[in-house]
Amino acid sequence: MATIPDITETEQWLMRTTLRERYGHDLEIQLADAEIRLAASDRELTTCPVIYWQSDDGCNFVIFKAGERAYRCQFFYKPYKQMGTGIEQYDDLAECAVALLQAQADYVAEQRGDLPSARR
């Protein structure tokens, strides 16, 4: 079973800075653990560190640390409808976070009718 390194102080700083730039104020990030399949064929779940936050409009964001320099992400308003960026895994946390925030912004714009609907 793979052991995933914890989220570092540097990764936490990067997330706080990225979120402050996006929202114009500090948002609380929470650190947790989640069990995920690292590969679709895995029979066992692997415990991964997680960065979680909620935006002012109630959207929930999760970034899973799936290995050294390996990140996965999703956002959701309701737990049964999770959305992502369309990229399974990133090797850069900043790229992962920015892509996730952009995907959510695009989703909001699409829901308002500002963007043409895309099949997700």
N, C-alpha and C. Protein backbone atom coordinates (compact mmCIF):
# COMPACT_ATOMS: atom_id res chain seq x y z
N MET A 1 0.84 -1.18 0.00
CA MET A 1 0.00 0.00 0.00
C MET A 1 0.89 1.25 0.00
N ALA A 2 0.58 2.21 -0.84
CA ALA A 2 1.37 3.43 -0.97
C ALA A 2 1.16 4.34 0.24
N THR A 3 2.23 4.98 0.66
CA THR A 3 2.15 5.98 1.71
C THR A 3 2.32 7.34 1.06
N ILE A 4 1.35 8.19 1.24
CA ILE A 4 1.33 9.51 0.61
C ILE A 4 1.87 10.53 1.63
N PRO A 5 2.81 11.38 1.24
CA PRO A 5 3.33 12.37 2.18
C PRO A 5 2.26 13.39 2.56
N ASP A 6 2.34 13.90 3.78
CA ASP A 6 1.40 14.92 4.24
C ASP A 6 1.53 16.20 3.44
N ILE A 7 0.53 17.03 3.54
CA ILE A 7 0.54 18.34 2.91
C ILE A 7 1.52 19.22 3.69
N THR A 8 2.43 19.84 2.96
CA THR A 8 3.49 20.61 3.59
C THR A 8 3.04 22.04 3.91
N GLU A 9 3.84 22.72 4.72
CA GLU A 9 3.59 24.13 5.01
C GLU A 9 3.64 24.96 3.73
N THR A 10 4.55 24.62 2.84
CA THR A 10 4.66 25.32 1.56
C THR A 10 3.40 25.15 0.73
N GLU A 11 2.87 23.94 0.68
CA GLU A 11 1.63 23.69 -0.07
C GLU A 11 0.46 24.45 0.55
N GLN A 12 0.41 24.51 1.88
CA GLN A 12 -0.65 25.27 2.55
C GLN A 12 -0.52 26.76 2.23
N TRP A 13 0.70 27.28 2.27
CA TRP A 13 0.93 28.68 1.94
C TRP A 13 0.49 28.98 0.51
N LEU A 14 0.87 28.09 -0.41
CA LEU A 14 0.49 28.26 -1.82
C LEU A 14 -1.02 28.32 -1.97
N MET A 15 -1.74 27.45 -1.29
CA MET A 15 -3.20 27.44 -1.38
C MET A 15 -3.80 28.71 -0.78
N ARG A 16 -3.32 29.11 0.39
CA ARG A 16 -3.85 30.33 1.01
C ARG A 16 -3.62 31.55 0.11
N THR A 17 -2.45 31.64 -0.48
CA THR A 17 -2.11 32.75 -1.36
C THR A 17 -2.98 32.73 -2.62
N THR A 18 -3.14 31.56 -3.21
CA THR A 18 -3.97 31.42 -4.42
C THR A 18 -5.42 31.80 -4.13
N LEU A 19 -5.95 31.35 -3.02
CA LEU A 19 -7.34 31.65 -2.68
C LEU A 19 -7.52 33.13 -2.34
N ARG A 20 -6.55 33.74 -1.68
CA ARG A 20 -6.62 35.17 -1.38
C ARG A 20 -6.64 35.98 -2.67
N GLU A 21 -5.82 35.57 -3.65
CA GLU A 21 -5.81 36.26 -4.94
C GLU A 21 -7.13 36.08 -5.67
N ARG A 22 -7.72 34.90 -5.58
CA ARG A 22 -8.98 34.62 -6.29
C ARG A 22 -10.16 35.34 -5.66
N TYR A 23 -10.26 35.31 -4.33
CA TYR A 23 -11.45 35.83 -3.65
C TYR A 23 -11.27 37.22 -3.05
N GLY A 24 -10.04 37.70 -2.95
CA GLY A 24 -9.81 39.02 -2.39
C GLY A 24 -9.80 39.06 -0.87
N HIS A 25 -9.89 37.93 -0.25
CA HIS A 25 -9.81 37.82 1.21
C HIS A 25 -9.42 36.39 1.56
N ASP A 26 -9.05 36.20 2.80
CA ASP A 26 -8.64 34.86 3.24
C ASP A 26 -9.84 33.95 3.38
N LEU A 27 -9.68 32.72 2.92
CA LEU A 27 -10.66 31.67 3.15
C LEU A 27 -9.97 30.61 4.01
N GLU A 28 -10.72 30.01 4.90
CA GLU A 28 -10.17 28.96 5.73
C GLU A 28 -9.99 27.69 4.90
N ILE A 29 -8.80 27.12 4.95
CA ILE A 29 -8.61 25.81 4.36
C ILE A 29 -8.57 24.80 5.50
N GLN A 30 -9.05 23.62 5.21
CA GLN A 30 -9.03 22.55 6.19
C GLN A 30 -8.22 21.40 5.63
N LEU A 31 -7.47 20.76 6.50
CA LEU A 31 -6.70 19.59 6.12
C LEU A 31 -7.41 18.36 6.66
N ALA A 32 -7.47 17.34 5.84
CA ALA A 32 -8.16 16.11 6.23
C ALA A 32 -7.50 14.95 5.50
N ASP A 33 -8.09 13.79 5.62
CA ASP A 33 -7.67 12.60 4.88
C ASP A 33 -8.89 12.02 4.20
N ALA A 34 -8.65 11.41 3.06
CA ALA A 34 -9.72 10.72 2.32
C ALA A 34 -9.15 9.43 1.77
N GLU A 35 -9.99 8.47 1.59
CA GLU A 35 -9.59 7.20 0.98
C GLU A 35 -10.05 7.19 -0.47
N ILE A 36 -9.08 7.01 -1.38
CA ILE A 36 -9.40 6.97 -2.80
C ILE A 36 -8.66 5.82 -3.46
N ARG A 37 -9.11 5.48 -4.66
CA ARG A 37 -8.37 4.52 -5.49
C ARG A 37 -7.37 5.31 -6.31
N LEU A 38 -6.10 4.97 -6.18
CA LEU A 38 -5.08 5.68 -6.94
C LEU A 38 -5.14 5.32 -8.42
N ALA A 39 -5.59 4.12 -8.71
CA ALA A 39 -5.79 3.67 -10.09
C ALA A 39 -7.16 3.01 -10.16
N ALA A 40 -7.81 3.13 -11.28
CA ALA A 40 -9.15 2.55 -11.43
C ALA A 40 -9.16 1.05 -11.15
N SER A 41 -8.05 0.39 -11.40
CA SER A 41 -7.97 -1.06 -11.19
C SER A 41 -7.65 -1.44 -9.75
N ASP A 42 -7.33 -0.48 -8.90
CA ASP A 42 -7.00 -0.79 -7.51
C ASP A 42 -8.21 -1.38 -6.79
N ARG A 43 -7.95 -2.42 -6.03
CA ARG A 43 -9.02 -3.02 -5.22
C ARG A 43 -9.07 -2.37 -3.85
N GLU A 44 -7.92 -1.88 -3.40
CA GLU A 44 -7.86 -1.27 -2.07
C GLU A 44 -7.83 0.25 -2.20
N LEU A 45 -8.34 0.90 -1.17
CA LEU A 45 -8.31 2.35 -1.10
C LEU A 45 -7.02 2.79 -0.43
N THR A 46 -6.53 3.95 -0.83
CA THR A 46 -5.33 4.52 -0.24
C THR A 46 -5.72 5.81 0.48
N THR A 47 -5.22 6.00 1.68
CA THR A 47 -5.49 7.21 2.43
C THR A 47 -4.59 8.33 1.89
N CYS A 48 -5.24 9.43 1.51
CA CYS A 48 -4.53 10.58 0.94
C CYS A 48 -4.84 11.84 1.74
N PRO A 49 -3.86 12.70 1.93
CA PRO A 49 -4.13 14.01 2.54
C PRO A 49 -4.98 14.86 1.59
N VAL A 50 -5.81 15.71 2.18
CA VAL A 50 -6.75 16.52 1.41
C VAL A 50 -6.70 17.96 1.90
N ILE A 51 -6.80 18.88 0.95
CA ILE A 51 -7.03 20.29 1.25
C ILE A 51 -8.48 20.57 0.85
N TYR A 52 -9.25 21.10 1.78
CA TYR A 52 -10.67 21.38 1.54
C TYR A 52 -10.94 22.84 1.88
N TRP A 53 -11.81 23.47 1.09
CA TRP A 53 -12.32 24.80 1.42
C TRP A 53 -13.69 24.97 0.80
N GLN A 54 -14.40 25.96 1.31
CA GLN A 54 -15.72 26.30 0.79
C GLN A 54 -15.71 27.77 0.41
N SER A 55 -16.23 28.05 -0.78
CA SER A 55 -16.28 29.43 -1.25
C SER A 55 -17.46 30.16 -0.62
N ASP A 56 -17.48 31.46 -0.81
CA ASP A 56 -18.55 32.28 -0.25
C ASP A 56 -19.93 31.89 -0.78
N ASP A 57 -19.99 31.33 -1.99
CA ASP A 57 -21.28 30.95 -2.56
C ASP A 57 -21.67 29.50 -2.23
N GLY A 58 -20.92 28.86 -1.32
CA GLY A 58 -21.29 27.52 -0.86
C GLY A 58 -20.72 26.38 -1.68
N CYS A 59 -19.82 26.67 -2.60
CA CYS A 59 -19.20 25.60 -3.38
C CYS A 59 -18.09 24.97 -2.53
N ASN A 60 -18.01 23.66 -2.57
CA ASN A 60 -16.99 22.90 -1.85
C ASN A 60 -15.90 22.49 -2.83
N PHE A 61 -14.66 22.61 -2.39
CA PHE A 61 -13.50 22.27 -3.21
C PHE A 61 -12.63 21.28 -2.46
N VAL A 62 -12.10 20.31 -3.18
CA VAL A 62 -11.21 19.32 -2.59
C VAL A 62 -10.03 19.09 -3.52
N ILE A 63 -8.84 19.16 -2.95
CA ILE A 63 -7.63 18.75 -3.67
C ILE A 63 -7.03 17.59 -2.89
N PHE A 64 -6.89 16.46 -3.57
CA PHE A 64 -6.32 15.26 -2.98
C PHE A 64 -4.84 15.21 -3.33
N LYS A 65 -4.00 14.96 -2.36
CA LYS A 65 -2.58 14.73 -2.64
C LYS A 65 -2.42 13.23 -2.84
N ALA A 66 -2.18 12.84 -4.08
CA ALA A 66 -2.17 11.41 -4.43
C ALA A 66 -0.76 10.84 -4.49
N GLY A 67 0.22 11.65 -4.15
CA GLY A 67 1.61 11.21 -4.16
C GLY A 67 2.51 12.42 -4.10
N GLU A 68 3.81 12.18 -4.14
CA GLU A 68 4.76 13.29 -4.19
C GLU A 68 4.56 14.00 -5.53
N ARG A 69 4.18 15.28 -5.47
CA ARG A 69 3.88 16.08 -6.67
C ARG A 69 2.81 15.43 -7.55
N ALA A 70 1.75 14.95 -6.92
CA ALA A 70 0.61 14.36 -7.63
C ALA A 70 -0.67 14.83 -6.94
N TYR A 71 -1.53 15.54 -7.69
CA TYR A 71 -2.72 16.15 -7.11
C TYR A 71 -3.93 15.88 -8.00
N ARG A 72 -5.06 15.61 -7.35
CA ARG A 72 -6.34 15.45 -8.03
C ARG A 72 -7.32 16.42 -7.41
N CYS A 73 -8.35 16.80 -8.14
CA CYS A 73 -9.23 17.83 -7.61
C CYS A 73 -10.68 17.65 -8.09
N GLN A 74 -11.58 18.25 -7.32
CA GLN A 74 -12.99 18.28 -7.69
C GLN A 74 -13.66 19.40 -6.91
N PHE A 75 -14.82 19.82 -7.42
CA PHE A 75 -15.66 20.77 -6.69
C PHE A 75 -17.10 20.28 -6.77
N PHE A 76 -17.90 20.71 -5.80
CA PHE A 76 -19.30 20.29 -5.79
C PHE A 76 -20.12 21.24 -4.94
N TYR A 77 -21.38 21.34 -5.30
CA TYR A 77 -22.35 22.06 -4.50
C TYR A 77 -23.17 21.07 -3.69
N LYS A 78 -23.43 19.93 -4.29
CA LYS A 78 -24.12 18.83 -3.63
C LYS A 78 -23.24 17.60 -3.77
N PRO A 79 -23.10 16.80 -2.71
CA PRO A 79 -22.16 15.66 -2.75
C PRO A 79 -22.40 14.67 -3.89
N TYR A 80 -23.62 14.56 -4.37
CA TYR A 80 -23.91 13.58 -5.41
C TYR A 80 -23.56 14.08 -6.82
N LYS A 81 -23.16 15.35 -6.95
CA LYS A 81 -22.79 15.88 -8.27
C LYS A 81 -21.42 16.56 -8.17
N GLN A 82 -20.39 15.75 -8.37
CA GLN A 82 -19.01 16.24 -8.27
C GLN A 82 -18.48 16.54 -9.66
N MET A 83 -17.76 17.65 -9.76
CA MET A 83 -17.22 18.08 -11.05
C MET A 83 -15.73 18.33 -10.92
N GLY A 84 -15.04 18.26 -12.03
CA GLY A 84 -13.60 18.48 -12.02
C GLY A 84 -13.15 19.29 -13.21
N THR A 85 -11.89 19.16 -13.52
CA THR A 85 -11.30 19.95 -14.59
C THR A 85 -11.19 19.17 -15.90
N GLY A 86 -11.43 17.88 -15.84
CA GLY A 86 -11.24 17.04 -17.01
C GLY A 86 -9.85 16.45 -17.10
N ILE A 87 -8.98 16.84 -16.18
CA ILE A 87 -7.63 16.28 -16.11
C ILE A 87 -7.56 15.43 -14.85
N GLU A 88 -7.13 14.19 -15.01
CA GLU A 88 -7.16 13.26 -13.88
C GLU A 88 -6.18 13.63 -12.78
N GLN A 89 -4.98 14.06 -13.16
CA GLN A 89 -3.97 14.30 -12.14
C GLN A 89 -2.99 15.39 -12.61
N TYR A 90 -2.57 16.22 -11.68
CA TYR A 90 -1.61 17.29 -11.94
C TYR A 90 -0.32 16.99 -11.19
N ASP A 91 0.81 17.49 -11.72
CA ASP A 91 2.07 17.34 -11.01
C ASP A 91 2.51 18.66 -10.38
N ASP A 92 1.63 19.66 -10.43
CA ASP A 92 1.91 20.97 -9.86
C ASP A 92 0.67 21.46 -9.11
N LEU A 93 0.81 21.74 -7.82
CA LEU A 93 -0.34 22.14 -7.01
C LEU A 93 -0.93 23.46 -7.49
N ALA A 94 -0.10 24.43 -7.84
CA ALA A 94 -0.61 25.73 -8.30
C ALA A 94 -1.45 25.55 -9.56
N GLU A 95 -0.96 24.77 -10.50
CA GLU A 95 -1.71 24.52 -11.74
C GLU A 95 -3.03 23.82 -11.44
N CYS A 96 -2.99 22.86 -10.52
CA CYS A 96 -4.21 22.14 -10.13
C CYS A 96 -5.23 23.10 -9.53
N ALA A 97 -4.79 23.94 -8.58
CA ALA A 97 -5.70 24.87 -7.90
C ALA A 97 -6.30 25.88 -8.87
N VAL A 98 -5.47 26.46 -9.73
CA VAL A 98 -5.96 27.46 -10.68
C VAL A 98 -6.94 26.82 -11.67
N ALA A 99 -6.62 25.64 -12.16
CA ALA A 99 -7.52 24.95 -13.09
C ALA A 99 -8.86 24.63 -12.42
N LEU A 100 -8.81 24.23 -11.15
CA LEU A 100 -10.04 23.91 -10.42
C LEU A 100 -10.89 25.17 -10.23
N LEU A 101 -10.26 26.25 -9.82
CA LEU A 101 -11.00 27.51 -9.65
C LEU A 101 -11.58 28.00 -10.97
N GLN A 102 -10.84 27.83 -12.07
CA GLN A 102 -11.35 28.25 -13.38
C GLN A 102 -12.51 27.37 -13.82
N ALA A 103 -12.42 26.07 -13.57
CA ALA A 103 -13.51 25.16 -13.94
C ALA A 103 -14.78 25.54 -13.19
N GLN A 104 -14.65 25.88 -11.93
CA GLN A 104 -15.82 26.27 -11.13
C GLN A 104 -16.37 27.60 -11.62
N ALA A 105 -15.50 28.56 -11.95
CA ALA A 105 -15.96 29.85 -12.47
C ALA A 105 -16.69 29.67 -13.80
N ASP A 106 -16.17 28.79 -14.65
CA ASP A 106 -16.83 28.49 -15.92
C ASP A 106 -18.19 27.85 -15.68
N TYR A 107 -18.27 26.96 -14.70
CA TYR A 107 -19.54 26.30 -14.37
C TYR A 107 -20.57 27.35 -13.93
N VAL A 108 -20.17 28.27 -13.07
CA VAL A 108 -21.08 29.32 -12.59
C VAL A 108 -21.54 30.18 -13.76
N ALA A 109 -20.61 30.57 -14.63
CA ALA A 109 -20.96 31.39 -15.80
C ALA A 109 -21.92 30.65 -16.71
N GLU A 110 -21.69 29.36 -16.89
CA GLU A 110 -22.58 28.55 -17.73
C GLU A 110 -23.97 28.46 -17.12
N GLN A 111 -24.06 28.30 -15.81
CA GLN A 111 -25.36 28.22 -15.13
C GLN A 111 -26.13 29.54 -15.25
N ARG A 112 -25.40 30.66 -15.26
CA ARG A 112 -26.04 31.97 -15.41
C ARG A 112 -26.44 32.23 -16.86
N GLY A 113 -25.91 31.43 -17.78
CA GLY A 113 -26.20 31.65 -19.19
C GLY A 113 -25.17 32.50 -19.89
N ASP A 114 -24.07 32.78 -19.21
CA ASP A 114 -23.02 33.62 -19.80
C ASP A 114 -22.14 32.85 -20.77
N LEU A 115 -22.10 31.54 -20.67
CA LEU A 115 -21.32 30.69 -21.56
C LEU A 115 -22.23 29.67 -22.21
N PRO A 116 -21.92 29.26 -23.42
CA PRO A 116 -22.71 28.18 -24.03
C PRO A 116 -22.56 26.91 -23.21
N SER A 117 -23.60 26.16 -23.12
CA SER A 117 -23.58 24.91 -22.35
C SER A 117 -22.62 23.92 -22.97
N ALA A 118 -21.85 23.29 -22.12
CA ALA A 118 -20.93 22.22 -22.57
C ALA A 118 -21.35 20.93 -21.91
N ARG A 119 -21.17 19.84 -22.61
CA ARG A 119 -21.50 18.56 -22.01
C ARG A 119 -20.41 18.19 -21.03
N ARG A 120 -20.80 17.86 -19.81
CA ARG A 120 -19.86 17.50 -18.75
C ARG A 120 -20.03 16.06 -18.38
